[in-house]
Each structure stands twice: as C-alpha cells, then as structure tokens.
Amino acid sequence: MPYIEEIIEKPFSLDPDGLLHMPTGPGLGITLNREAIARFSPS
C-alpha cells in the first residue's frame, strides 16, 4: 500500500543485508501519524 510510510512516524528500513527488522516498541512497535491517518480516512 503506497501510503503505509506516511501513516507511521518512523518508516521501515532495510539493513545492509536487505532484511527488515521487526520494531521493538510496545504493542505493534510503531507510532502512528494521526494527521496522515486523518488525511487518508473518509470523512
């Protein structure tokens, strides 16, 4: 989905080996950008 990187505060990134490390924060390990979510949500 093209908007995924806009709705999370810190985009996912690959390490030098091309692997995606799982976030380590609580819950899903990501912080949502509520302003971006509002832009993509229907009114």
Protein backbone atom coordinates (compact mmCIF):
# COMPACT_ATOMS: atom_id res chain seq x y z
CA MET A 1 0.00 0.00 0.00
CA PRO A 2 1.58 3.24 -1.09
CA TYR A 3 0.52 5.28 1.95
CA ILE A 4 1.94 2.99 4.64
CA GLU A 5 5.14 5.00 5.08
CA GLU A 6 3.11 8.18 5.56
CA ILE A 7 0.94 6.82 8.39
CA ILE A 8 3.81 5.68 10.61
CA GLU A 9 6.19 8.11 12.34
CA LYS A 10 9.39 6.20 11.55
CA PRO A 11 9.31 4.44 8.17
CA PHE A 12 10.54 0.86 7.90
CA SER A 13 14.06 0.48 6.55
CA LEU A 14 16.17 -2.40 5.35
CA ASP A 15 19.55 -3.20 6.86
CA PRO A 16 22.66 -3.64 4.66
CA ASP A 17 21.71 -7.29 4.09
CA GLY A 18 18.28 -6.31 2.79
CA LEU A 19 16.45 -7.55 5.90
CA LEU A 20 13.63 -5.75 7.67
CA HIS A 21 13.98 -5.84 11.42
CA MET A 22 10.83 -6.07 13.48
CA PRO A 23 10.03 -2.98 15.58
CA THR A 24 10.81 -3.40 19.28
CA GLY A 25 8.42 -0.86 20.82
CA PRO A 26 5.33 -1.78 22.80
CA GLY A 27 2.24 -3.08 21.01
CA LEU A 28 2.88 -3.22 17.28
CA GLY A 29 6.20 -1.43 17.81
CA ILE A 30 5.26 1.55 15.65
CA THR A 31 3.88 5.02 16.30
CA LEU A 32 1.06 6.14 14.05
CA ASN A 33 0.94 9.59 12.48
CA ARG A 34 -2.63 10.56 13.32
CA GLU A 35 -2.65 13.55 10.94
CA ALA A 36 -1.74 11.32 8.00
CA ILE A 37 -4.37 8.77 9.03
CA ALA A 38 -6.98 11.53 9.06
CA ARG A 39 -5.98 12.56 5.51
CA PHE A 40 -6.47 9.02 4.22
CA SER A 41 -9.69 8.33 6.16
CA PRO A 42 -13.07 9.01 4.60
CA SER A 43 -14.95 11.91 6.16
